Amino acid sequence: MSRICPECGYANSEDQRRCRVCNADLGVSTASQKYDWNKAAADTNDYSKDRSWFRSYLTESIILTLWCCLPMGILGVVFSSQALASFKVMDYEKADRKANAARKVVIWGLVLAFLGFVALYVSGIMED
């Protein structure tokens, strides 16, 4: 048998008086528990089961920074890092928005780099 913490829901051993996670007093009656197990079960979503869908575009942003378009690459790295940070704290909607922003920056960076190389080639600065 274990004592469930009224603050965080952690299952502590029976002989403990304070929670090992949040240091809350375990002597509080179970009637005044703030943690609702039914609500926690209802809050779970599909992301908690399969997180293989997430892609932050950090690798693409770094390659873009090193090979062709420094400003767009740095912006992509910033958005990718924000996406990873949001994903780690389970804010999946914000992580998805930031990853999409990083993807758009990478695509626009590649388009601008391509157009720049074409302009240099056409102007004669870059020849065979």
Protein backbone atom coordinates (compact mmCIF):
# COMPACT_ATOMS: atom_id res chain seq x y z
CA MET A 1 0.00 0.00 0.00
CA SER A 2 1.28 3.47 -0.78
CA ARG A 3 0.39 7.02 0.08
CA ILE A 4 -0.70 9.12 -2.87
CA CYS A 5 0.48 12.72 -2.72
CA PRO A 6 -2.44 15.20 -2.71
CA GLU A 7 -0.39 17.77 -4.65
CA CYS A 8 1.32 15.85 -7.46
CA GLY A 9 -0.17 12.35 -7.34
CA TYR A 10 3.14 10.53 -6.74
CA ALA A 11 2.82 7.15 -4.99
CA ASN A 12 5.04 7.38 -1.90
CA SER A 13 5.82 4.55 0.48
CA GLU A 14 3.51 4.07 3.45
CA ASP A 15 6.04 5.20 6.09
CA GLN A 16 6.78 8.59 4.49
CA ARG A 17 5.31 11.78 5.93
CA ARG A 18 6.30 14.09 3.07
CA CYS A 19 6.20 13.54 -0.68
CA ARG A 20 9.51 12.59 -2.29
CA VAL A 21 8.72 14.66 -5.41
CA CYS A 22 7.10 17.91 -4.22
CA ASN A 23 7.70 17.73 -0.44
CA ALA A 24 3.99 18.11 0.33
CA ASP A 25 2.59 16.91 3.64
CA LEU A 26 1.13 13.41 3.24
CA GLY A 27 -0.97 13.70 6.39
CA VAL A 28 -3.65 15.61 4.47
CA SER A 29 -6.92 13.73 4.10
CA THR A 30 -7.72 12.27 0.70
CA ALA A 31 -10.95 14.29 0.52
CA SER A 32 -9.00 17.48 -0.17
CA GLN A 33 -6.75 16.08 -2.90
CA LYS A 34 -5.93 18.57 -5.64
CA TYR A 35 -4.74 15.89 -8.04
CA ASP A 36 -7.56 14.27 -9.99
CA TRP A 37 -6.63 10.95 -11.57
CA ASN A 38 -9.70 11.00 -13.85
CA LYS A 39 -8.73 14.44 -15.21
CA ALA A 40 -5.17 13.27 -15.76
CA ALA A 41 -6.41 10.27 -17.73
CA ALA A 42 -8.69 12.54 -19.80
CA ASP A 43 -5.82 14.93 -20.56
CA THR A 44 -3.75 12.29 -22.33
CA ASN A 45 -3.65 12.65 -26.08
CA ASP A 46 -2.37 10.76 -29.08
CA TYR A 47 1.03 12.45 -28.76
CA SER A 48 1.74 10.59 -25.53
CA LYS A 49 1.63 7.26 -27.34
CA ASP A 50 3.60 7.95 -30.51
CA ARG A 51 6.05 10.82 -30.73
CA SER A 52 7.87 9.64 -33.84
CA TRP A 53 5.98 12.19 -35.93
CA PHE A 54 7.93 15.15 -34.52
CA ARG A 55 10.66 16.76 -36.61
CA SER A 56 12.28 20.03 -35.58
CA TYR A 57 14.34 20.70 -38.77
CA LEU A 58 17.44 21.45 -36.70
CA THR A 59 19.76 19.46 -38.97
CA GLU A 60 18.46 21.21 -42.09
CA SER A 61 18.82 24.60 -40.40
CA ILE A 62 22.42 23.90 -39.44
CA ILE A 63 23.27 22.73 -42.97
CA LEU A 64 21.60 25.84 -44.39
CA THR A 65 23.66 28.00 -42.02
CA LEU A 66 26.96 26.37 -42.89
CA TRP A 67 26.57 25.97 -46.65
CA CYS A 68 24.69 28.89 -48.07
CA CYS A 69 22.43 31.27 -46.21
CA LEU A 70 23.69 32.40 -42.82
CA PRO A 71 20.79 34.70 -41.71
CA MET A 72 18.03 32.28 -42.70
CA GLY A 73 19.95 29.36 -41.23
CA ILE A 74 20.34 31.11 -37.88
CA LEU A 75 16.63 31.92 -37.84
CA GLY A 76 15.88 28.27 -38.61
CA VAL A 77 18.15 27.11 -35.77
CA VAL A 78 16.35 29.45 -33.36
CA PHE A 79 12.91 28.16 -34.37
CA SER A 80 14.12 24.55 -34.25
CA SER A 81 15.56 24.99 -30.77
CA GLN A 82 12.31 26.55 -29.57
CA ALA A 83 10.40 23.63 -31.07
CA LEU A 84 12.59 21.09 -29.28
CA ALA A 85 12.26 22.95 -25.98
CA SER A 86 8.47 23.06 -26.30
CA PHE A 87 8.35 19.39 -27.23
CA LYS A 88 10.38 18.42 -24.17
CA VAL A 89 7.92 20.15 -21.84
CA MET A 90 5.03 18.46 -23.70
CA ASP A 91 3.63 21.64 -25.26
CA TYR A 92 2.99 19.84 -28.53
CA GLU A 93 0.94 22.55 -30.23
CA LYS A 94 3.65 25.19 -29.73
CA ALA A 95 6.33 22.69 -30.75
CA ASP A 96 4.44 21.97 -33.95
CA ARG A 97 4.05 25.69 -34.73
CA LYS A 98 7.76 26.37 -34.16
CA ALA A 99 8.81 23.33 -36.22
CA ASN A 100 6.58 24.50 -39.09
CA ALA A 101 8.16 27.96 -38.86
CA ALA A 102 11.62 26.36 -39.00
CA ARG A 103 10.57 24.31 -42.04
CA LYS A 104 9.33 27.44 -43.83
CA VAL A 105 12.55 29.30 -43.02
CA VAL A 106 14.65 26.41 -44.37
CA ILE A 107 12.62 26.26 -47.58
CA TRP A 108 12.80 30.02 -48.11
CA GLY A 109 16.51 30.00 -47.33
CA LEU A 110 17.11 27.34 -49.98
CA VAL A 111 15.00 29.23 -52.52
CA LEU A 112 16.87 32.49 -51.84
CA ALA A 113 20.24 30.74 -52.02
CA PHE A 114 19.29 29.12 -55.35
CA LEU A 115 18.10 32.45 -56.75
CA GLY A 116 21.31 34.10 -55.56
CA PHE A 117 23.47 31.49 -57.27
CA VAL A 118 21.43 31.83 -60.48
CA ALA A 119 21.80 35.63 -60.35
CA LEU A 120 25.57 35.31 -59.84
CA TYR A 121 25.87 32.84 -62.71
CA VAL A 122 23.77 34.96 -65.09
CA SER A 123 25.70 38.12 -64.22
CA GLY A 124 28.95 36.40 -65.11
CA ILE A 125 30.55 36.58 -61.68
CA MET A 126 30.37 32.81 -61.30
CA GLU A 127 31.48 31.11 -64.47
CA ASP A 128 32.09 27.50 -65.36
